Protein backbone atom coordinates (compact mmCIF):
# COMPACT_ATOMS: atom_id res chain seq x y z
CA MET A 1 -91.05 28.97 -14.43
CA GLN A 2 -90.16 31.78 -16.72
CA LEU A 3 -88.34 33.38 -13.62
CA TYR A 4 -86.41 30.27 -13.28
CA ASN A 5 -85.30 30.17 -16.89
CA LYS A 6 -83.99 33.64 -16.84
CA ALA A 7 -82.11 33.04 -13.89
CA MET A 8 -80.42 29.85 -15.37
CA ASN A 9 -79.78 31.92 -18.61
CA SER A 10 -77.94 34.68 -16.54
CA SER A 11 -75.90 32.29 -14.52
CA ILE A 12 -74.67 30.50 -17.78
CA ASN A 13 -73.85 33.86 -19.16
CA GLY A 14 -71.98 34.87 -16.14
CA LEU A 15 -69.83 31.53 -16.29
CA ASN A 16 -69.24 32.30 -20.18
CA GLU A 17 -68.06 35.67 -19.37
CA SER A 18 -65.52 34.45 -16.60
CA PHE A 19 -64.43 31.57 -18.72
CA VAL A 20 -63.84 33.94 -21.52
CA GLU A 21 -61.74 36.36 -19.16
CA MET A 22 -59.83 33.22 -17.87
CA TYR A 23 -59.09 32.38 -21.34
CA ARG A 24 -57.76 35.76 -22.33
CA GLU A 25 -55.70 35.78 -19.35
CA GLN A 26 -54.07 32.47 -20.21
CA LEU A 27 -53.44 33.65 -23.80
CA SER A 28 -51.80 36.70 -22.42
CA ASP A 29 -49.76 34.67 -19.95
CA GLU A 30 -48.55 32.38 -22.87
CA MET A 31 -47.75 35.37 -25.08
CA ALA A 32 -45.80 37.33 -22.24
CA LEU A 33 -43.78 34.11 -21.89
CA THR A 34 -43.00 33.87 -25.60
CA LEU A 35 -42.20 37.78 -25.65
CA LEU A 36 -39.90 37.31 -22.52
CA PRO A 37 -36.59 38.14 -24.44
CA ALA A 38 -38.38 41.33 -25.93
CA ILE A 39 -39.52 42.27 -22.43
CA LEU A 40 -36.15 41.73 -20.78
CA ILE A 41 -34.49 43.72 -23.49
CA LEU A 42 -36.84 46.66 -22.89
CA CYS A 43 -36.15 46.18 -19.04
CA PHE A 44 -32.38 46.43 -19.80
CA ILE A 45 -32.95 49.40 -21.70
CA ILE A 46 -34.90 51.12 -18.94
CA ILE A 47 -32.03 50.35 -16.44
CA ILE A 48 -29.07 51.59 -18.46
CA GLY A 49 -31.42 54.47 -19.76
CA LEU A 50 -32.43 55.87 -16.40
CA VAL A 51 -28.83 55.59 -14.72
CA GLY A 52 -27.10 56.85 -17.77
CA ASN A 53 -29.50 59.82 -18.55
CA CYS A 54 -29.59 60.76 -14.68
CA LEU A 55 -25.70 61.03 -14.84
CA VAL A 56 -25.88 62.95 -18.11
CA PHE A 57 -28.42 65.45 -16.58
CA TYR A 58 -26.70 65.74 -13.46
CA VAL A 59 -23.07 66.30 -14.83
CA TYR A 60 -23.99 68.60 -17.51
CA TYR A 61 -26.37 70.74 -15.51
CA TYR A 62 -24.05 71.08 -12.53
CA LYS A 63 -20.40 70.71 -13.99
CA PHE A 64 -20.66 72.33 -17.25
CA THR A 65 -21.08 75.96 -18.06
CA SER A 66 -24.26 77.29 -19.86
CA SER A 67 -23.83 76.91 -23.73
CA SER A 68 -26.41 75.92 -26.66
CA ALA A 69 -24.68 72.51 -26.72
CA ARG A 70 -25.20 71.92 -23.03
CA THR A 71 -28.89 72.95 -23.39
CA ALA A 72 -29.53 70.35 -26.23
CA ILE A 73 -27.94 67.82 -24.12
CA LEU A 74 -29.97 68.54 -21.19
CA VAL A 75 -33.37 68.49 -23.41
CA LEU A 76 -32.45 65.28 -25.02
CA ALA A 77 -31.40 63.38 -21.63
CA PHE A 78 -34.70 64.70 -20.26
CA SER A 79 -36.68 63.23 -23.18
CA ASP A 80 -34.82 60.10 -22.80
CA LEU A 81 -35.80 60.05 -18.96
CA ILE A 82 -39.47 60.31 -20.03
CA THR A 83 -39.05 57.60 -22.52
CA CYS A 84 -37.67 55.41 -19.83
CA THR A 85 -40.16 56.08 -17.36
CA ILE A 86 -43.51 56.26 -19.43
CA SER A 87 -43.02 55.06 -22.92
CA ILE A 88 -41.21 52.00 -22.47
CA PRO A 89 -42.97 50.49 -19.51
CA GLY A 90 -46.13 51.08 -21.31
CA GLU A 91 -44.83 49.00 -24.21
CA ILE A 92 -43.99 46.43 -21.64
CA ILE A 93 -47.41 46.54 -20.40
CA ASP A 94 -48.79 46.12 -23.91
CA MET A 95 -46.79 43.10 -24.45
CA ARG A 96 -47.70 41.48 -21.17
CA TYR A 97 -51.21 41.79 -21.60
CA SER A 98 -51.75 41.24 -25.38
CA TYR A 99 -55.15 39.87 -25.19
CA ASN A 100 -56.64 41.49 -22.13
CA PHE A 101 -55.60 44.88 -22.36
CA THR A 102 -58.43 46.99 -20.82
CA SER A 103 -57.17 50.54 -19.83
CA GLU A 104 -58.13 52.79 -22.51
CA LEU A 105 -56.66 55.78 -20.62
CA LEU A 106 -53.47 54.14 -20.29
CA CYS A 107 -53.12 53.18 -23.83
CA ARG A 108 -53.93 56.52 -25.20
CA GLY A 109 -51.68 58.29 -22.57
CA VAL A 110 -48.72 56.38 -23.25
CA ARG A 111 -49.00 56.55 -27.26
CA LEU A 112 -49.31 60.40 -26.76
CA VAL A 113 -46.51 60.83 -24.68
CA ALA A 114 -44.27 58.41 -26.66
CA THR A 115 -45.26 60.30 -30.03
CA VAL A 116 -44.68 63.95 -28.53
CA VAL A 117 -41.18 62.84 -27.08
CA LEU A 118 -40.05 61.17 -30.38
CA ILE A 119 -41.12 63.94 -32.57
CA ALA A 120 -39.63 66.67 -30.07
CA SER A 121 -36.46 64.84 -29.99
CA GLY A 122 -36.03 64.93 -33.76
CA PHE A 123 -36.91 68.68 -33.92
CA VAL A 124 -34.30 69.31 -31.32
CA LEU A 125 -31.64 67.38 -33.22
CA VAL A 126 -32.46 69.37 -36.35
CA THR A 127 -31.76 72.66 -34.39
CA VAL A 128 -28.68 71.16 -33.14
CA ALA A 129 -27.70 70.47 -36.77
CA VAL A 130 -28.24 74.01 -37.71
CA ASP A 131 -26.54 75.46 -34.66
CA ARG A 132 -23.55 73.19 -35.41
CA TYR A 133 -23.37 74.39 -39.28
CA GLN A 134 -23.27 78.02 -38.12
CA ARG A 135 -20.44 77.72 -35.56
CA ILE A 136 -18.49 75.65 -38.02
CA CYS A 137 -19.20 77.31 -41.39
CA HIS A 138 -19.87 80.77 -40.37
CA PRO A 139 -17.75 81.15 -36.95
CA LEU A 140 -18.17 84.85 -37.01
CA GLY A 141 -21.87 85.15 -37.46
CA ASN A 142 -24.58 85.31 -34.86
CA HIS A 143 -24.67 81.95 -32.76
CA LEU A 144 -27.53 80.80 -30.57
CA THR A 145 -27.19 81.27 -27.07
CA ALA A 146 -28.36 79.03 -24.09
CA LYS A 147 -31.41 81.18 -23.55
CA ALA A 148 -32.45 81.12 -27.26
CA VAL A 149 -31.99 77.47 -27.43
CA TRP A 150 -34.54 76.95 -24.34
CA LYS A 151 -37.22 79.18 -26.10
CA ARG A 152 -36.91 77.09 -29.23
CA VAL A 153 -37.14 73.80 -27.36
CA LEU A 154 -40.30 75.20 -25.70
CA PHE A 155 -41.73 76.04 -29.15
CA LEU A 156 -40.70 72.64 -30.63
CA TYR A 157 -42.52 70.70 -27.68
CA ILE A 158 -45.63 72.70 -28.62
CA LEU A 159 -45.11 72.01 -32.09
CA ALA A 160 -44.68 68.23 -31.38
CA THR A 161 -47.75 68.20 -29.29
CA LEU A 162 -49.65 69.69 -32.02
CA PHE A 163 -48.46 66.64 -34.43
CA ALA A 164 -49.26 64.32 -31.75
CA VAL A 165 -52.92 65.51 -31.28
CA PRO A 166 -54.41 62.71 -33.42
CA ALA A 167 -52.30 59.82 -31.63
CA PRO A 168 -54.78 59.50 -28.59
CA ILE A 169 -57.59 59.63 -31.33
CA VAL A 170 -56.06 57.09 -33.46
CA TYR A 171 -54.83 54.63 -30.70
CA GLY A 172 -57.17 52.85 -28.25
CA ILE A 173 -58.66 49.46 -27.50
CA ALA A 174 -59.01 47.29 -30.26
CA GLU A 175 -60.46 43.64 -31.02
CA VAL A 176 -57.73 41.01 -31.49
CA ALA A 177 -58.44 37.43 -32.66
CA THR A 178 -57.97 34.37 -30.61
CA PRO A 179 -57.48 30.77 -31.58
CA MET A 180 -61.04 30.10 -30.26
CA SER A 181 -63.74 30.84 -32.68
CA GLY A 182 -66.12 33.74 -31.92
CA VAL A 183 -63.79 34.78 -28.87
CA TYR A 184 -61.70 38.15 -29.26
CA GLY A 185 -59.22 39.67 -26.96
CA SER A 186 -58.42 43.43 -26.27
CA GLU A 187 -55.15 44.84 -27.18
CA CYS A 188 -53.71 48.36 -27.24
CA SER A 189 -53.38 49.16 -31.07
CA THR A 190 -55.23 51.32 -33.57
CA ASN A 191 -58.86 52.04 -32.17
CA GLN A 192 -61.53 49.52 -33.33
CA PHE A 193 -63.65 52.35 -34.47
CA PHE A 194 -60.87 53.49 -37.20
CA LYS A 195 -59.85 50.05 -38.21
CA SER A 196 -61.22 50.54 -41.67
CA HIS A 197 -61.09 54.34 -41.74
CA PRO A 198 -58.38 56.26 -43.67
CA LEU A 199 -57.24 58.49 -40.75
CA PRO A 200 -54.62 56.08 -39.24
CA ILE A 201 -52.85 55.59 -42.70
CA ALA A 202 -53.10 59.37 -43.19
CA TYR A 203 -51.66 59.99 -40.06
CA SER A 204 -48.98 57.39 -40.15
CA VAL A 205 -48.04 58.94 -43.68
CA ILE A 206 -47.75 62.50 -41.98
CA LEU A 207 -45.73 61.07 -39.17
CA LEU A 208 -43.35 59.25 -41.81
CA LEU A 209 -42.84 62.55 -43.95
CA VAL A 210 -42.03 64.71 -40.96
CA PHE A 211 -39.41 62.10 -39.93
CA VAL A 212 -37.97 61.60 -43.34
CA THR A 213 -37.75 65.56 -43.63
CA ALA A 214 -36.11 65.92 -40.42
CA PHE A 215 -33.52 63.11 -41.33
CA THR A 216 -32.89 64.56 -44.90
CA ILE A 217 -32.14 68.05 -43.31
CA MET A 218 -29.95 66.73 -40.46
CA ILE A 219 -27.99 64.63 -43.28
CA VAL A 220 -27.50 67.50 -45.52
CA ILE A 221 -26.22 69.79 -42.68
CA TYR A 222 -23.76 67.32 -41.71
CA VAL A 223 -22.47 66.72 -45.12
CA LEU A 224 -21.91 70.24 -45.52
CA ILE A 225 -20.21 70.56 -42.04
CA GLY A 226 -17.99 67.62 -43.14
CA ARG A 227 -17.04 69.35 -46.39
CA LYS A 228 -16.24 72.36 -44.51
CA VAL A 229 -14.08 70.79 -41.86
CA LEU A 230 -12.15 68.90 -44.87
CA ARG A 231 -11.38 72.15 -46.40
CA GLN A 232 -10.19 73.66 -43.41
CA ASN A 233 -8.02 70.81 -42.63
CA LYS A 234 -6.52 70.94 -46.24
CA PHE A 235 -6.05 74.75 -45.87
CA ARG A 236 -4.17 74.42 -42.46
CA LYS A 237 -1.96 71.75 -44.04
CA ASN A 238 -1.03 73.81 -47.04
CA VAL A 239 -0.28 76.79 -44.57
CA ARG A 240 2.10 74.47 -42.39
CA VAL A 241 3.79 73.35 -45.57
CA ARG A 242 4.27 76.87 -46.66
CA LYS A 243 5.68 77.85 -43.29
CA GLY A 244 7.96 75.02 -43.38
CA SER A 245 9.36 75.94 -46.74
CA ILE A 246 9.69 79.77 -45.95
CA ALA A 247 11.38 78.83 -42.63
CA SER A 248 14.05 76.59 -44.66
CA GLN A 249 14.42 79.43 -47.20
CA ASP A 250 14.90 81.87 -44.39
CA THR A 251 17.82 79.79 -42.86
CA ASN A 252 19.41 79.25 -46.25
CA HIS A 253 19.44 82.98 -46.87
CA ARG A 254 20.89 83.58 -43.41
CA HIS A 255 23.63 81.28 -43.85
CA THR A 256 24.34 82.82 -47.17
CA VAL A 257 24.66 86.34 -45.76
CA CYS A 258 26.77 85.26 -43.07
CA SER A 259 29.17 83.68 -45.41
CA THR A 260 29.16 86.59 -47.69
CA SER A 261 29.69 89.13 -44.66
CA GLN A 262 32.54 87.15 -43.53
CA GLU A 263 34.30 87.22 -47.16
CA ASN A 264 33.66 90.95 -47.45
CA GLU A 265 34.58 91.95 -43.76
CA PRO A 266 37.72 94.14 -43.71
CA SER A 267 40.83 92.98 -42.19
CA LEU A 268 42.54 94.83 -39.16
CA SER A 269 45.59 95.56 -41.49
CA ASP A 270 43.01 97.34 -43.86
CA GLY A 271 41.48 99.08 -41.13
CA VAL A 272 44.94 100.53 -40.09
CA LYS A 273 45.74 101.36 -43.58
CA ASN A 274 42.73 103.23 -44.26
CA SER A 275 42.60 104.78 -40.92
CA SER A 276 43.60 108.30 -42.18
CA ILE A 277 40.68 108.33 -44.46
CA VAL A 278 37.97 107.69 -41.66
CA GLN A 279 36.98 110.77 -39.86
CA GLU A 280 37.26 110.10 -36.02
CA GLU A 281 34.47 111.54 -33.74
CA PRO A 282 34.72 112.33 -30.27
CA GLU A 283 34.45 109.55 -27.66
CA ASN A 284 31.26 111.03 -25.86
CA ASN A 285 29.41 111.57 -28.95
CA MET A 286 29.94 107.95 -29.92
CA HIS A 287 29.04 106.91 -26.46
CA GLN A 288 25.75 108.83 -26.45
CA GLU A 289 24.68 107.23 -30.06
CA GLU A 290 25.72 103.92 -28.83
CA SER A 291 23.45 104.22 -25.59
CA LYS A 292 20.53 105.64 -27.92
CA VAL A 293 20.58 102.82 -30.37
CA LYS A 294 20.62 100.13 -27.49
CA GLN A 295 17.68 101.85 -25.80
CA HIS A 296 15.80 101.98 -29.12
CA ASN A 297 16.58 98.29 -29.86
CA ASN A 298 15.28 97.29 -26.28
CA ASN A 299 12.14 98.93 -26.80
CA ASN A 300 11.34 97.76 -30.12
CA GLY A 301 12.43 94.32 -28.99
CA THR A 302 9.76 94.54 -25.89
CA LYS A 303 7.12 95.71 -28.18
CA LEU A 304 7.81 92.98 -30.59
CA THR A 305 8.00 90.38 -27.90
CA ARG A 306 4.59 91.48 -26.31
CA LYS A 307 2.81 91.59 -29.56
CA SER A 308 4.28 88.11 -30.78
CA SER A 309 3.12 86.87 -27.25
CA VAL A 310 -0.28 88.21 -27.49
CA ILE A 311 -0.85 87.01 -31.13
CA ARG A 312 0.26 83.50 -30.06
CA HIS A 313 -2.08 83.56 -26.95
CA LEU A 314 -5.13 84.57 -29.27
CA ARG A 315 -4.06 81.88 -31.97
CA LYS A 316 -3.90 79.31 -29.06
CA LEU A 317 -7.27 80.45 -27.62
CA SER A 318 -8.79 80.08 -31.21
CA SER A 319 -7.35 76.96 -32.00
CA THR A 320 -8.57 75.57 -28.74
CA GLY A 321 -12.33 76.94 -29.11
CA ASP A 322 -12.12 75.69 -32.77
CA ALA A 323 -11.10 72.10 -31.43
CA ARG A 324 -13.88 72.10 -28.81
CA THR A 325 -16.38 73.05 -31.49
CA ARG A 326 -15.44 70.15 -33.74
CA LYS A 327 -15.19 67.85 -31.06
CA THR A 328 -18.77 68.90 -29.64
CA THR A 329 -20.06 68.65 -33.17
CA MET A 330 -18.60 65.25 -33.53
CA MET A 331 -20.39 64.18 -30.39
CA LEU A 332 -23.83 65.65 -31.37
CA PHE A 333 -23.20 64.24 -34.84
CA PHE A 334 -23.01 60.63 -33.25
CA ILE A 335 -26.10 61.17 -31.15
CA THR A 336 -28.02 62.08 -34.18
CA LEU A 337 -26.61 59.15 -36.03
CA VAL A 338 -27.71 56.90 -33.48
CA PHE A 339 -31.21 58.40 -33.37
CA VAL A 340 -31.80 58.08 -36.93
CA LEU A 341 -30.40 54.47 -37.24
CA SER A 342 -32.59 53.39 -34.39
CA PHE A 343 -35.58 54.56 -36.23
CA LEU A 344 -34.81 52.66 -39.40
CA PRO A 345 -36.18 49.09 -38.34
CA HIS A 346 -39.23 50.64 -36.99
CA ILE A 347 -40.05 52.25 -40.05
CA ALA A 348 -39.22 49.43 -42.38
CA LEU A 349 -41.49 47.07 -40.15
CA LYS A 350 -44.21 49.42 -40.05
CA ALA A 351 -44.11 49.84 -43.86
CA VAL A 352 -44.14 46.25 -44.61
CA GLN A 353 -46.98 45.72 -42.25
CA ALA A 354 -48.93 48.56 -43.91
CA LEU A 355 -48.30 46.98 -47.26
CA ASN A 356 -48.67 43.32 -46.43
CA LYS A 357 -51.91 42.93 -44.18
CA ASN A 358 -51.19 39.14 -43.60
CA PHE A 359 -47.52 39.99 -42.52
CA MET A 360 -48.16 39.23 -38.91
CA SER A 361 -50.11 36.19 -39.28
CA SER A 362 -47.34 34.70 -41.45
CA LEU A 363 -44.65 35.22 -38.69
CA SER A 364 -43.20 32.01 -36.78
CA VAL A 365 -42.65 32.30 -32.98
CA THR A 366 -39.12 33.37 -33.78
CA GLY A 367 -40.50 36.16 -36.08
CA VAL A 368 -42.85 37.46 -33.56
CA ILE A 369 -39.98 37.86 -31.13
CA PHE A 370 -37.68 39.64 -33.41
CA TYR A 371 -40.88 41.73 -34.72
CA ASN A 372 -41.50 42.95 -31.16
CA ILE A 373 -38.08 43.91 -30.43
CA PHE A 374 -37.32 45.78 -33.70
CA VAL A 375 -40.43 47.55 -33.83
CA ARG A 376 -39.59 49.25 -30.67
CA SER A 377 -36.04 49.93 -32.11
CA CYS A 378 -36.75 53.79 -31.75
CA PHE A 379 -36.14 53.28 -28.06
CA PHE A 380 -32.93 52.00 -28.42
CA ASN A 381 -30.86 55.36 -28.45
CA THR A 382 -32.11 56.14 -24.82
CA ALA A 383 -29.49 53.57 -23.61
CA VAL A 384 -26.78 54.38 -26.20
CA ASN A 385 -26.39 58.25 -25.64
CA PHE A 386 -24.79 57.89 -22.26
CA PHE A 387 -21.86 56.00 -23.90
CA ILE A 388 -21.50 58.30 -26.77
CA TYR A 389 -21.16 61.35 -23.89
CA GLY A 390 -18.38 59.18 -22.04
CA PHE A 391 -16.47 58.21 -25.10
CA CYS A 392 -16.39 61.72 -26.58
CA SER A 393 -16.22 64.00 -23.38
CA PRO A 394 -13.18 63.66 -21.30
CA LYS A 395 -14.68 65.87 -18.43
CA PHE A 396 -17.87 63.88 -18.53
CA ARG A 397 -16.03 60.60 -17.95
CA HIS A 398 -13.95 62.28 -15.02
CA GLU A 399 -17.14 63.44 -13.30
CA CYS A 400 -18.90 60.19 -13.68
CA ARG A 401 -15.65 58.50 -12.38
CA ASN A 402 -15.91 60.70 -9.38
CA ILE A 403 -19.68 59.91 -8.67
CA PHE A 404 -18.96 56.36 -8.79
CA LEU A 405 -15.98 56.55 -6.42
CA LYS A 406 -17.99 58.59 -4.09
CA LEU A 407 -20.78 56.08 -4.13
CA THR A 408 -18.71 52.96 -4.12
CA PHE A 409 -16.03 53.72 -1.51
CA TRP A 410 -17.91 56.62 0.31
CA ILE A 411 -15.36 58.99 -0.23
CA LYS A 412 -16.60 62.29 1.57
CA ASN A 413 -14.03 64.27 2.90
CA LYS A 414 -11.42 63.74 0.01
CA ARG A 415 -12.78 65.96 -2.85
CA ARG A 416 -11.08 65.06 -6.04
CA ALA A 417 -9.97 67.71 -8.35
CA SER A 418 -12.38 68.20 -11.33
CA ILE A 419 -11.56 69.34 -14.77
CA ARG A 420 -12.37 73.00 -14.95
CA SER A 421 -12.41 73.68 -18.59
CA ASP A 422 -15.48 72.45 -20.52
CA ASP A 423 -14.67 70.32 -23.52
CA ILE A 424 -17.91 71.27 -25.30
CA GLN A 425 -18.81 74.42 -27.31
């Protein structure tokens, strides 16, 4: 009889476990349907990010010459590709299985990769800002080479990994309440062991301080760059105005001298009258002197022409390089600005959630959808960077157009001309 009761109890427990599991799956399906707009937006970001960053990586790696800006762009594109292949799909899986997420390894791995990539991208953008500052504000100083940037990127990724070490410890599988009393689901969130521990809060504060510090440094540097550019533009404008005034004064002076010389020029009759006073030199001496003067003038004219052409060429190269540096700085500034703006909704929502424990439970269905969209706003820049490169770089647009034509119309034999000169520096 006791054996029979034990068998019945075990069958009832097994039935309860299967029922609870089905209930969790049903809740996950309902939540996934509710969060479908957020999931579709992330899927759209993955598609745009993969296509765009693959083009960025290919074009800048094969079509541009080596430089510090090119290295930074390649690193950022590679980081965005990691985000599109690991981090964002992990977030989609998290939203799809809101009540029955069971893989501890997947949860911790995705959080670790996402944290490393985001921190490293922020550090790289700070390095880019410093490099831009040196090139604009100290153009004659020592600048970072492509090799030096690669070394710094390696160091920054190691540093970002050290900052991200607590992520797989803090995050993990946690219990989540369900509408049924006494039944809990499982989600990828703060580890259940650290729910009431100060470590998650301390780690969030540290990450917040790191990002705020990086943002502040970038903002200050680009403000200094902007001030320098405005001063240079003002100086060049004053130089052009002075050149114009000097040229007009020189023209007026020439007209005055010509008119004076015409008034004071002796007439033919005066020359005849005073011919007895002037000593006549032999004709051969006069011809020799005239030939010497002509030869001397020709040599001086050739030297002046060569010197002026060299100076003009150097000025042209300097102005071209300066324009490319400014254009590259503007492009990287837009990349940085988008990165910073994409983080603001994420930071704001996390801060509100930390201050108000009942924030999530007070949200409506629409609020839950928007929360799940904007709490992942830090991934938006992966789909936007491609368009910034296309807007700011004519060569990048040209190369992407060539790739599109080759893939669309199967143009193999006709090789379209490529823009030889880089437009980044």
